Amino acid sequence: MKRFLQRLSKWGIDLAPLGIERRTDAHPYFCTPRGAEIFGWAGVDGIHFCFVRGFGETVFAVSPMNEAPHFVHPLARNGADFLRLLLACGDSAALEQAWQWDEAQFDAFLAENPPSPEQEAVLRQIAERTGLSPMEHPWRCLRELQASFDYAKINYTEDCDDPEMNPNAPRSEPEWKVFYGGSFWEQRGSGRPGTELRLDRQFAWAGRDWLLPSVYLCAKGVVADFCFRTEPSAIRAFLEKWKPERPPESEEERLRMELDNPLELDFTAVLRVNGRELRAERGCSIAALPPAFPEGAAQEAERIAAHYGLDRRFGWTVHRLSFPWATKRKPSLRSLSVTMMQEPISLPGPHFRVSEPGDAFSFASPTDGREHLLTVQEYEAQTVDWSRMPETGLERPSHYLAMTYTVAPELPDGVLSVADCCDGDRPRQKPADPGQPEAAFCAAVIGVIGGADGPTAILFGPKEQGKLHAACSSLYFEPVENVTWRLCFRQRQFDDAVIELLPKQEQPAQTYAPRETGG
């Protein structure tokens, strides 16, 4: 290679107009052969030309954008033949692409891309200073060399098998490992991977068919995967009704959308190991639509489904929960059960409007249909004092309506809340002072009076006077006189269920021998 480059330098020949540029930063690509000495670059798609240690004077083209395994092709047996091919073709592009063409396509490319005047000057320089003549039948020369070449002898760097460096690299399935506190998306976590105890426990609860396929016994605790399946018809009906790609227009619409989603169910699981309760300290979830749906499933969801043998005719939601041990050391497993408890859901209730103390609104409880009467005790416009808040350059809305009310007969604490149907106004950029620069954009966080379901009721007052609740509207820039309020009910729809995971009549130490995770 050095002699070839030295001769080009001695002859004063620059091959750049022919698509072979010299570079000082000639860094190899993932598919550059090991031991390659790069002498030129095409200037597009990372294509470069090189000699390779162990293959003598053979000239190679390396094309990173090609489909695997067609990254590297020999072009000439030595530097002289490479120059003769350039004299015959006028540019390196024809040589680099010839492997995929027949002779007619090769000749058509040459006819459609004749050398430019600048290239003609370089070609004359090569012929005059080297005494070389154009290669006869260049396509046949290339084809004979490439047909006889043993591509298996080319050694690549490890990067060629790295999917991050090479999108076409074969992807080996990672070993199945579950870590305490880990997730579906990363194969790592706290300590060593857990030992898998396969249970394949099926049960019905909360109107769904469940499978608890495995638990994983880790040094810090137990990891359990809870899977429930969903009929394709239910998924299809939800997608047609709500069009999830469109964000909900209001908080109430978001609540109704969550209630209708057949792939969602908020629940709490409490494990009981050898009579001791374990409560989950963290968890994650993932959903997989059946393959027939265009949305499909994420790679992680497909991998979970394959490991547990989930029936892919259905949709599946998988919750992974981590439960810390109740003892200092990992105990021997003698008994194992789980208590399934639904988290309270938010049910949007009826709307109503009031304007002064004494106004009342009658409604029925969704739990038992019993009639209740909400009576307004106080109702007035108020403002928020933002003066003690840090200056952010934003103008915040400050006007709202405050209401106190009673409910008779009284509902249990936490069941009922009252919220503004409107989300109110968001903070806005303050007008800039004269001569001051204006911000092109801004990000804002606004504190909402109340809880997660909007402005919510709070309780105060002596018990003997009855329970007095309070609600606040959303915030507005202008004083607000009329607000449409919405009731919201928090309740459970399903009773708790205790599921035995190890049959009591058997000896779990022998029957349920844990197996090491893998594959």
Protein backbone atom coordinates (compact mmCIF):
# COMPACT_ATOMS: atom_id res chain seq x y z
CA MET A 1 0.00 0.00 0.00
CA LYS A 2 2.72 2.43 0.95
CA ARG A 3 4.51 1.88 -2.39
CA PHE A 4 1.23 2.49 -4.24
CA LEU A 5 0.59 5.75 -2.39
CA GLN A 6 4.23 6.79 -2.76
CA ARG A 7 4.02 6.29 -6.50
CA LEU A 8 0.82 8.36 -6.72
CA SER A 9 2.50 11.10 -4.71
CA LYS A 10 5.64 10.90 -6.88
CA TRP A 11 3.53 11.16 -10.00
CA GLY A 12 1.55 14.06 -8.49
CA ILE A 13 -1.76 12.28 -9.09
CA ASP A 14 -4.81 13.24 -6.99
CA LEU A 15 -7.63 10.70 -7.33
CA ALA A 16 -10.23 12.87 -5.54
CA PRO A 17 -12.07 13.83 -8.77
CA LEU A 18 -12.54 10.09 -9.40
CA GLY A 19 -14.22 9.58 -6.03
CA ILE A 20 -11.12 8.60 -4.02
CA GLU A 21 -10.31 11.38 -1.55
CA ARG A 22 -7.38 11.36 0.85
CA ARG A 23 -8.20 12.12 4.51
CA THR A 24 -6.18 12.68 7.64
CA ASP A 25 -9.07 11.49 9.86
CA ALA A 26 -9.56 8.10 8.20
CA HIS A 27 -11.46 6.42 11.04
CA PRO A 28 -12.76 2.92 10.25
CA TYR A 29 -16.45 1.92 10.24
CA PHE A 30 -18.06 -1.05 11.97
CA CYS A 31 -17.68 -3.07 8.74
CA THR A 32 -14.09 -2.05 7.94
CA PRO A 33 -12.07 -5.30 7.91
CA ARG A 34 -9.61 -5.88 10.69
CA GLY A 35 -6.14 -4.84 9.56
CA ALA A 36 -7.41 -2.49 6.85
CA GLU A 37 -5.22 0.37 5.55
CA ILE A 38 -7.59 2.99 4.14
CA PHE A 39 -6.26 5.08 1.25
CA GLY A 40 -9.35 6.82 -0.11
CA TRP A 41 -12.96 7.86 0.52
CA ALA A 42 -15.84 8.26 -1.91
CA GLY A 43 -17.27 11.16 0.11
CA VAL A 44 -20.78 9.62 0.39
CA ASP A 45 -22.35 6.95 2.64
CA GLY A 46 -19.02 6.23 4.35
CA ILE A 47 -17.71 4.32 1.30
CA HIS A 48 -13.95 3.85 1.44
CA PHE A 49 -11.15 1.94 -0.31
CA CYS A 50 -8.40 -0.03 1.36
CA PHE A 51 -5.83 -2.77 1.38
CA VAL A 52 -6.26 -5.49 4.01
CA ARG A 53 -3.45 -7.18 5.89
CA GLY A 54 -3.14 -10.78 4.77
CA PHE A 55 -4.54 -10.18 1.26
CA GLY A 56 -1.42 -8.79 -0.41
CA GLU A 57 -2.00 -5.94 -2.88
CA THR A 58 -5.74 -6.63 -3.36
CA VAL A 59 -7.83 -3.44 -3.36
CA PHE A 60 -11.17 -3.54 -1.53
CA ALA A 61 -14.25 -1.30 -1.43
CA VAL A 62 -16.07 -0.99 1.90
CA SER A 63 -19.74 0.15 1.76
CA PRO A 64 -21.32 0.62 5.23
CA MET A 65 -24.79 1.37 3.83
CA ASN A 66 -25.08 -2.00 2.04
CA GLU A 67 -27.25 -4.78 3.42
CA ALA A 68 -25.36 -7.43 5.36
CA PRO A 69 -23.28 -9.33 4.40
CA HIS A 70 -22.38 -7.24 1.32
CA PHE A 71 -20.20 -4.68 3.08
CA VAL A 72 -16.83 -5.53 1.49
CA HIS A 73 -15.89 -6.47 -2.10
CA PRO A 74 -12.52 -6.90 -3.81
CA LEU A 75 -12.03 -4.59 -6.80
CA ALA A 76 -8.55 -5.30 -8.15
CA ARG A 77 -5.64 -7.70 -7.56
CA ASN A 78 -3.22 -4.78 -7.14
CA GLY A 79 -2.88 -1.04 -7.36
CA ALA A 80 -2.00 -1.07 -11.05
CA ASP A 81 -5.14 -3.01 -11.98
CA PHE A 82 -7.17 -0.59 -9.83
CA LEU A 83 -5.84 2.36 -11.84
CA ARG A 84 -6.57 0.52 -15.11
CA LEU A 85 -10.18 -0.01 -13.95
CA LEU A 86 -10.44 3.71 -13.22
CA LEU A 87 -9.13 4.48 -16.69
CA ALA A 88 -11.82 2.21 -18.15
CA CYS A 89 -14.72 3.49 -16.02
CA GLY A 90 -13.82 7.10 -15.27
CA ASP A 91 -15.04 7.00 -11.63
CA SER A 92 -14.90 4.72 -8.58
CA ALA A 93 -18.73 4.63 -8.28
CA ALA A 94 -19.06 2.05 -11.05
CA LEU A 95 -16.41 -0.17 -9.43
CA GLU A 96 -18.00 0.00 -5.97
CA GLN A 97 -21.49 -0.91 -7.25
CA ALA A 98 -20.57 -3.49 -9.87
CA TRP A 99 -21.10 -6.48 -7.54
CA GLN A 100 -24.91 -6.04 -7.75
CA TRP A 101 -25.20 -5.51 -11.54
CA ASP A 102 -25.08 -7.66 -14.64
CA GLU A 103 -22.93 -6.54 -17.56
CA ALA A 104 -25.75 -4.69 -19.32
CA GLN A 105 -26.55 -2.68 -16.21
CA PHE A 106 -22.86 -1.92 -15.72
CA ASP A 107 -22.48 -0.68 -19.30
CA ALA A 108 -25.68 1.37 -19.00
CA PHE A 109 -24.34 3.11 -15.89
CA LEU A 110 -21.09 4.02 -17.71
CA ALA A 111 -23.06 5.35 -20.68
CA GLU A 112 -25.28 7.48 -18.44
CA ASN A 113 -22.37 8.83 -16.37
CA PRO A 114 -19.50 9.79 -18.69
CA PRO A 115 -16.40 11.41 -17.13
CA SER A 116 -16.52 15.15 -16.52
CA PRO A 117 -13.82 17.44 -17.94
CA GLU A 118 -12.08 17.46 -14.54
CA GLN A 119 -12.12 13.66 -14.44
CA GLU A 120 -10.84 13.45 -18.03
CA ALA A 121 -7.85 15.56 -17.01
CA VAL A 122 -7.00 13.18 -14.13
CA LEU A 123 -7.43 10.12 -16.37
CA ARG A 124 -5.01 11.59 -18.96
CA GLN A 125 -2.56 12.31 -16.15
CA ILE A 126 -2.73 8.67 -14.97
CA ALA A 127 -2.22 7.30 -18.47
CA GLU A 128 0.68 9.64 -19.28
CA ARG A 129 2.61 9.30 -16.00
CA THR A 130 2.10 5.56 -15.37
CA GLY A 131 2.02 4.24 -18.90
CA LEU A 132 -1.06 2.16 -18.00
CA SER A 133 -3.91 1.47 -20.43
CA PRO A 134 -7.64 1.06 -19.64
CA MET A 135 -8.73 -2.38 -18.47
CA GLU A 136 -10.43 -4.39 -21.19
CA HIS A 137 -13.84 -5.76 -20.19
CA PRO A 138 -13.84 -4.16 -16.70
CA TRP A 139 -17.12 -5.79 -15.59
CA ARG A 140 -15.82 -9.28 -16.41
CA CYS A 141 -12.58 -8.56 -14.57
CA LEU A 142 -14.50 -7.46 -11.48
CA ARG A 143 -16.92 -10.38 -11.65
CA GLU A 144 -14.18 -13.02 -12.01
CA LEU A 145 -12.29 -11.64 -9.02
CA GLN A 146 -15.37 -11.37 -6.80
CA ALA A 147 -16.73 -14.80 -7.81
CA SER A 148 -13.47 -16.51 -6.85
CA PHE A 149 -12.93 -14.61 -3.61
CA ASP A 150 -13.52 -16.36 -0.27
CA TYR A 151 -15.44 -13.74 1.76
CA ALA A 152 -15.34 -15.95 4.87
CA LYS A 153 -11.65 -15.10 5.26
CA ILE A 154 -12.38 -11.43 6.02
CA ASN A 155 -12.16 -10.66 9.72
CA TYR A 156 -14.27 -7.81 11.07
CA THR A 157 -14.05 -5.87 14.32
CA GLU A 158 -16.50 -6.63 17.13
CA ASP A 159 -18.46 -3.54 16.08
CA CYS A 160 -19.76 -5.39 13.04
CA ASP A 161 -21.82 -7.59 15.38
CA ASP A 162 -22.96 -4.68 17.54
CA PRO A 163 -26.63 -3.80 16.73
CA GLU A 164 -26.03 -0.21 17.84
CA MET A 165 -23.20 0.19 15.34
CA ASN A 166 -24.59 -2.08 12.64
CA PRO A 167 -28.40 -2.12 12.22
CA ASN A 168 -28.09 -5.21 10.03
CA ALA A 169 -26.16 -7.24 12.59
CA PRO A 170 -27.80 -10.51 13.62
CA ARG A 171 -29.51 -10.02 16.97
CA SER A 172 -29.09 -12.79 19.48
CA GLU A 173 -31.89 -13.18 22.00
CA PRO A 174 -30.62 -11.98 25.38
CA GLU A 175 -30.72 -14.43 28.27
CA TRP A 176 -33.88 -14.16 30.34
CA LYS A 177 -33.02 -12.49 33.64
CA VAL A 178 -35.19 -10.81 36.26
CA PHE A 179 -33.64 -8.53 38.88
CA TYR A 180 -35.11 -7.14 42.05
CA GLY A 181 -36.28 -3.60 41.38
CA GLY A 182 -35.63 -3.98 37.64
CA SER A 183 -38.00 -3.42 34.75
CA PHE A 184 -39.00 -4.92 31.42
CA TRP A 185 -36.75 -2.51 29.51
CA GLU A 186 -33.37 -3.09 31.12
CA GLN A 187 -31.68 -6.37 31.92
CA ARG A 188 -30.15 -5.21 35.16
CA GLY A 189 -31.15 -4.28 38.67
CA SER A 190 -30.16 -4.72 42.27
CA GLY A 191 -27.87 -7.67 42.99
CA ARG A 192 -27.89 -10.95 41.10
CA PRO A 193 -30.80 -12.09 38.94
CA GLY A 194 -33.52 -13.93 40.83
CA THR A 195 -34.17 -17.64 40.77
CA GLU A 196 -37.35 -18.37 38.84
CA LEU A 197 -40.07 -20.35 40.59
CA ARG A 198 -42.52 -21.35 37.87
CA LEU A 199 -46.13 -21.43 39.14
CA ASP A 200 -48.42 -20.98 36.09
CA ARG A 201 -51.25 -20.14 38.52
CA GLN A 202 -54.48 -19.22 36.74
CA PHE A 203 -57.39 -17.48 38.44
CA ALA A 204 -60.33 -15.18 37.73
CA TRP A 205 -60.71 -11.84 39.48
CA ALA A 206 -62.09 -8.35 38.74
CA GLY A 207 -63.84 -9.60 35.62
CA ARG A 208 -60.57 -10.78 34.05
CA ASP A 209 -58.69 -14.02 33.51
CA TRP A 210 -55.30 -13.92 35.21
CA LEU A 211 -52.06 -15.83 35.04
CA LEU A 212 -49.28 -15.57 37.61
CA PRO A 213 -46.64 -17.51 35.67
CA SER A 214 -43.60 -17.07 37.91
CA VAL A 215 -42.09 -15.44 40.93
CA TYR A 216 -38.39 -14.71 41.23
CA LEU A 217 -36.57 -15.21 44.51
CA CYS A 218 -33.89 -12.54 44.91
CA ALA A 219 -31.59 -11.59 47.77
CA LYS A 220 -33.66 -8.49 48.57
CA GLY A 221 -37.13 -9.87 47.97
CA VAL A 222 -39.60 -11.44 45.57
CA VAL A 223 -40.45 -10.27 42.06
CA ALA A 224 -43.82 -11.41 40.70
CA ASP A 225 -45.33 -11.02 37.23
CA PHE A 226 -49.12 -10.63 37.14
CA CYS A 227 -50.69 -11.07 33.69
CA PHE A 228 -54.32 -10.61 32.66
CA ARG A 229 -55.72 -11.18 29.20
CA THR A 230 -58.18 -9.10 27.17
CA GLU A 231 -60.50 -10.12 24.37
CA PRO A 232 -59.57 -8.63 20.96
CA SER A 233 -63.15 -7.41 20.50
CA ALA A 234 -62.89 -5.29 23.66
CA ILE A 235 -59.62 -3.75 22.49
CA ARG A 236 -61.04 -3.00 19.06
CA ALA A 237 -64.16 -1.35 20.51
CA PHE A 238 -62.00 0.84 22.76
CA LEU A 239 -59.73 1.94 19.92
CA GLU A 240 -62.68 2.77 17.68
CA LYS A 241 -64.43 4.77 20.39
CA TRP A 242 -61.57 6.77 21.83
CA LYS A 243 -58.85 7.00 19.16
CA PRO A 244 -56.06 7.02 21.82
CA GLU A 245 -53.69 8.98 19.56
CA ARG A 246 -55.94 12.01 20.20
CA PRO A 247 -55.31 13.47 23.66
CA PRO A 248 -58.40 13.86 25.88
CA GLU A 249 -59.97 17.32 25.81
CA SER A 250 -60.71 17.49 29.53
CA GLU A 251 -60.02 15.80 32.84
CA GLU A 252 -63.45 14.19 32.75
CA GLU A 253 -62.81 12.76 29.30
CA ARG A 254 -59.48 11.38 30.51
CA LEU A 255 -61.20 9.64 33.44
CA ARG A 256 -63.85 8.10 31.18
CA MET A 257 -61.17 6.97 28.74
CA GLU A 258 -59.24 5.24 31.53
CA LEU A 259 -62.40 3.53 32.78
CA ASP A 260 -63.13 2.17 29.30
CA ASN A 261 -59.58 0.93 28.64
CA PRO A 262 -59.77 -2.90 28.84
CA LEU A 263 -55.97 -3.13 29.13
CA GLU A 264 -55.86 -1.11 32.36
CA LEU A 265 -56.69 -2.11 35.92
CA ASP A 266 -55.20 -0.44 39.00
CA PHE A 267 -54.67 -2.96 41.76
CA THR A 268 -52.58 -3.66 44.82
CA ALA A 269 -51.14 -7.08 45.53
CA VAL A 270 -49.95 -8.22 48.95
CA LEU A 271 -47.85 -11.38 49.10
CA ARG A 272 -47.94 -13.58 52.15
CA VAL A 273 -44.77 -15.65 52.50
CA ASN A 274 -44.64 -18.14 55.37
CA GLY A 275 -47.41 -16.15 57.05
CA ARG A 276 -45.65 -12.77 56.75
CA GLU A 277 -47.09 -9.97 54.64
CA LEU A 278 -44.93 -8.44 51.90
CA ARG A 279 -46.07 -5.18 50.29
CA ALA A 280 -44.75 -4.07 46.93
CA GLU A 281 -42.33 -1.15 46.99
CA ARG A 282 -42.09 -0.63 43.25
CA GLY A 283 -43.47 -1.94 39.98
CA CYS A 284 -43.95 -1.41 36.25
CA SER A 285 -46.38 -2.60 33.60
CA ILE A 286 -46.51 -3.23 29.85
CA ALA A 287 -49.32 -4.13 27.44
CA ALA A 288 -49.23 -6.22 24.28
CA LEU A 289 -51.92 -6.06 21.61
CA PRO A 290 -52.54 -9.19 19.51
CA PRO A 291 -50.36 -9.39 16.37
CA ALA A 292 -53.45 -8.83 14.22
CA PHE A 293 -53.62 -5.21 15.43
CA PRO A 294 -51.52 -2.71 13.47
CA GLU A 295 -50.25 -1.19 16.72
CA GLY A 296 -48.71 -4.55 17.62
CA ALA A 297 -46.56 -4.96 20.71
CA ALA A 298 -43.19 -3.68 21.85
CA GLN A 299 -40.23 -6.03 21.58
CA GLU A 300 -40.12 -6.38 25.37
CA ALA A 301 -43.79 -7.39 25.48
CA GLU A 302 -43.27 -9.99 22.76
CA ARG A 303 -40.33 -11.42 24.67
CA ILE A 304 -42.39 -11.72 27.86
CA ALA A 305 -45.22 -13.38 25.95
CA ALA A 306 -42.80 -15.88 24.41
CA HIS A 307 -41.13 -16.73 27.74
CA TYR A 308 -44.43 -17.40 29.49
CA GLY A 309 -46.20 -18.94 26.50
CA LEU A 310 -49.04 -16.37 26.55
CA ASP A 311 -51.82 -16.96 24.03
CA ARG A 312 -51.22 -14.22 21.45
CA ARG A 313 -54.77 -14.38 20.14
CA PHE A 314 -55.56 -12.13 23.12
CA GLY A 315 -54.21 -8.85 24.41
CA TRP A 316 -52.15 -9.07 27.60
CA THR A 317 -51.19 -6.64 30.35
CA VAL A 318 -48.24 -7.62 32.53
CA HIS A 319 -47.52 -5.98 35.89
CA ARG A 320 -44.16 -6.67 37.52
CA LEU A 321 -44.02 -5.96 41.27
CA SER A 322 -41.07 -6.15 43.68
CA PHE A 323 -41.76 -7.18 47.30
CA PRO A 324 -38.98 -6.79 49.92
CA TRP A 325 -38.46 -9.67 52.34
CA ALA A 326 -39.89 -9.25 55.84
CA THR A 327 -36.82 -11.01 57.27
CA LYS A 328 -33.14 -10.08 57.12
CA ARG A 329 -32.32 -13.11 54.98
CA LYS A 330 -34.09 -14.82 52.14
CA PRO A 331 -36.28 -17.45 53.80
CA SER A 332 -37.04 -20.99 52.72
CA LEU A 333 -40.40 -20.97 51.00
CA ARG A 334 -43.02 -22.96 52.93
CA SER A 335 -46.22 -21.16 51.93
CA LEU A 336 -47.09 -18.48 49.41
CA SER A 337 -50.32 -16.63 48.66
CA VAL A 338 -51.35 -13.27 47.25
CA THR A 339 -54.22 -10.94 48.12
CA MET A 340 -55.55 -9.01 45.13
CA MET A 341 -57.11 -5.63 45.94
CA GLN A 342 -58.50 -3.15 43.45
CA GLU A 343 -57.40 0.46 43.82
CA PRO A 344 -60.36 2.87 44.06
CA ILE A 345 -61.35 4.23 40.67
CA SER A 346 -62.64 7.71 39.86
CA LEU A 347 -66.19 7.69 38.46
CA PRO A 348 -67.26 11.02 36.89
CA GLY A 349 -70.67 11.96 38.23
CA PRO A 350 -73.37 14.48 37.27
CA HIS A 351 -72.79 18.20 36.67
CA PHE A 352 -74.53 20.95 38.57
CA ARG A 353 -74.54 24.74 38.99
CA VAL A 354 -75.15 26.79 42.13
CA SER A 355 -74.82 30.51 42.77
CA GLU A 356 -75.34 31.26 46.47
CA PRO A 357 -75.61 29.75 49.95
CA GLY A 358 -78.69 27.62 50.39
CA ASP A 359 -78.67 26.25 46.84
CA ALA A 360 -78.93 22.46 46.83
CA PHE A 361 -78.33 19.60 44.39
CA SER A 362 -79.73 16.08 44.66
CA PHE A 363 -77.79 13.08 43.36
CA ALA A 364 -77.75 9.30 43.64
CA SER A 365 -74.78 7.32 44.89
CA PRO A 366 -73.42 5.02 42.14
CA THR A 367 -72.68 2.39 44.79
CA ASP A 368 -76.19 1.72 46.10
CA GLY A 369 -78.42 4.24 44.29
CA ARG A 370 -79.26 6.03 47.54
CA GLU A 371 -80.31 9.68 47.19
CA HIS A 372 -78.13 12.40 48.76
CA LEU A 373 -78.49 16.15 48.99
CA LEU A 374 -75.56 18.55 48.57
CA THR A 375 -76.31 21.93 50.18
CA VAL A 376 -74.15 25.02 49.68
CA GLN A 377 -73.14 26.76 52.93
CA GLU A 378 -70.78 29.45 51.60
CA TYR A 379 -70.08 30.59 48.04
CA GLU A 380 -67.75 33.48 47.17
CA ALA A 381 -65.10 34.70 44.73
CA GLN A 382 -61.53 34.73 46.02
CA THR A 383 -58.01 35.37 44.72
CA VAL A 384 -54.63 33.69 45.19
CA ASP A 385 -51.77 35.83 46.50
CA TRP A 386 -48.73 34.94 44.38
CA SER A 387 -46.49 37.65 45.85
CA ARG A 388 -44.53 35.21 47.98
CA MET A 389 -43.87 32.84 45.09
CA PRO A 390 -40.51 32.99 43.26
CA GLU A 391 -40.49 35.25 40.21
CA THR A 392 -40.58 33.20 36.98
CA GLY A 393 -41.45 35.77 34.35
CA LEU A 394 -44.91 34.22 34.06
CA GLU A 395 -48.27 35.76 34.78
CA ARG A 396 -50.37 33.37 36.81
CA PRO A 397 -54.17 33.22 36.96
CA SER A 398 -55.44 34.13 40.43
CA HIS A 399 -59.26 34.26 40.42
CA TYR A 400 -61.40 31.36 41.63
CA LEU A 401 -64.66 30.50 43.34
CA ALA A 402 -64.65 28.88 46.78
CA MET A 403 -67.55 26.83 48.08
CA THR A 404 -68.33 25.02 51.32
CA TYR A 405 -71.11 22.45 51.42
CA THR A 406 -72.65 19.61 53.36
CA VAL A 407 -73.93 16.25 52.14
CA ALA A 408 -76.88 14.43 53.69
CA PRO A 409 -76.90 11.58 54.35
CA GLU A 410 -73.13 11.76 54.70
CA LEU A 411 -70.91 9.58 52.51
CA PRO A 412 -67.75 7.86 53.81
CA ASP A 413 -64.61 9.97 53.80
CA GLY A 414 -62.81 10.09 50.47
CA VAL A 415 -65.75 8.81 48.41
CA LEU A 416 -67.00 12.13 47.02
CA SER A 417 -65.16 15.14 45.61
CA VAL A 418 -66.36 18.23 43.75
CA ALA A 419 -64.37 19.74 40.88
CA ASP A 420 -64.64 22.47 38.27
CA CYS A 421 -65.58 20.99 34.88
CA CYS A 422 -63.24 23.47 33.21
CA ASP A 423 -59.47 23.20 33.55
CA GLY A 424 -59.13 26.99 33.88
CA ASP A 425 -56.38 29.19 32.47
CA ARG A 426 -52.70 28.32 32.20
CA PRO A 427 -49.88 30.73 33.13
CA ARG A 428 -48.78 33.03 30.34
CA GLN A 429 -45.70 35.06 29.52
CA LYS A 430 -45.66 38.48 31.08
CA PRO A 431 -45.49 41.44 28.67
CA ALA A 432 -41.89 42.55 28.35
CA ASP A 433 -40.86 45.95 29.64
CA PRO A 434 -39.79 48.44 26.96
CA GLY A 435 -36.24 47.72 25.91
CA GLN A 436 -36.18 44.30 27.56
CA PRO A 437 -35.72 41.09 25.52
CA GLU A 438 -38.73 38.82 25.17
CA ALA A 439 -38.64 35.06 25.71
CA ALA A 440 -39.53 33.05 22.62
CA PHE A 441 -41.11 30.28 24.65
CA CYS A 442 -41.73 29.27 28.22
CA ALA A 443 -42.42 26.22 30.32
CA ALA A 444 -44.78 26.46 33.25
CA VAL A 445 -45.88 24.47 36.24
CA ILE A 446 -49.05 25.57 37.95
CA GLY A 447 -50.18 24.46 41.38
CA VAL A 448 -53.76 23.24 41.35
CA ILE A 449 -55.91 23.75 44.40
CA GLY A 450 -56.90 20.26 45.43
CA GLY A 451 -55.84 16.74 44.52
CA ALA A 452 -55.26 14.48 41.58
CA ASP A 453 -58.89 14.61 40.45
CA GLY A 454 -59.02 18.41 40.34
CA PRO A 455 -60.03 20.81 43.10
CA THR A 456 -61.21 18.46 45.78
CA ALA A 457 -63.25 18.51 48.96
CA ILE A 458 -61.61 18.88 52.34
CA LEU A 459 -63.18 18.35 55.76
CA PHE A 460 -63.23 20.68 58.74
CA GLY A 461 -65.49 21.69 61.62
CA PRO A 462 -66.64 19.98 64.83
CA LYS A 463 -68.35 16.64 64.38
CA GLU A 464 -71.39 17.78 66.31
CA GLN A 465 -72.03 20.44 63.64
CA GLY A 466 -71.95 17.92 60.85
CA LYS A 467 -69.22 17.58 58.25
CA LEU A 468 -68.45 20.69 56.26
CA HIS A 469 -66.60 20.20 52.99
CA ALA A 470 -64.89 22.70 50.73
CA ALA A 471 -64.17 22.89 47.02
CA CYS A 472 -62.39 25.44 44.85
CA SER A 473 -62.79 26.09 41.16
CA SER A 474 -59.92 26.19 38.72
CA LEU A 475 -57.89 29.39 38.41
CA TYR A 476 -58.74 32.14 35.90
CA PHE A 477 -57.22 35.45 34.86
CA GLU A 478 -60.56 37.24 35.10
CA PRO A 479 -63.07 37.05 37.99
CA VAL A 480 -65.44 34.15 37.48
CA GLU A 481 -69.12 34.28 38.40
CA ASN A 482 -70.51 30.98 37.17
CA VAL A 483 -68.88 27.59 37.40
CA THR A 484 -70.22 24.23 36.30
CA TRP A 485 -69.26 21.72 38.96
CA ARG A 486 -68.75 17.98 38.59
CA LEU A 487 -69.15 15.26 41.19
CA CYS A 488 -66.53 12.54 41.24
CA PHE A 489 -66.88 9.27 43.18
CA ARG A 490 -63.95 7.14 44.36
CA GLN A 491 -64.89 3.51 44.89
CA ARG A 492 -63.91 -0.09 44.36
CA GLN A 493 -65.90 -2.28 42.00
CA PHE A 494 -64.53 -5.66 43.05
CA ASP A 495 -63.97 -7.44 46.35
CA ASP A 496 -60.53 -8.53 47.51
CA ALA A 497 -59.46 -12.07 46.66
CA VAL A 498 -56.88 -14.36 48.26
CA ILE A 499 -55.11 -16.68 45.82
CA GLU A 500 -53.08 -19.62 47.13
CA LEU A 501 -49.97 -20.01 45.02
CA LEU A 502 -48.50 -23.14 46.63
CA PRO A 503 -50.98 -25.95 47.35
CA LYS A 504 -51.00 -26.62 51.07
CA GLN A 505 -51.35 -30.37 50.68
CA GLU A 506 -48.03 -30.70 48.86
CA GLN A 507 -44.47 -30.22 50.03
CA PRO A 508 -43.29 -27.12 48.19
CA ALA A 509 -39.63 -27.75 48.96
CA GLN A 510 -39.69 -30.85 46.72
CA THR A 511 -42.58 -30.16 44.34
CA TYR A 512 -41.70 -26.53 43.57
CA ALA A 513 -37.95 -26.63 43.25
CA PRO A 514 -36.81 -23.24 41.93
CA ARG A 515 -35.02 -23.17 38.61
CA GLU A 516 -32.30 -20.77 37.58
CA THR A 517 -33.44 -18.11 35.11
CA GLY A 518 -32.17 -18.36 31.61
CA GLY A 519 -33.35 -18.57 28.05
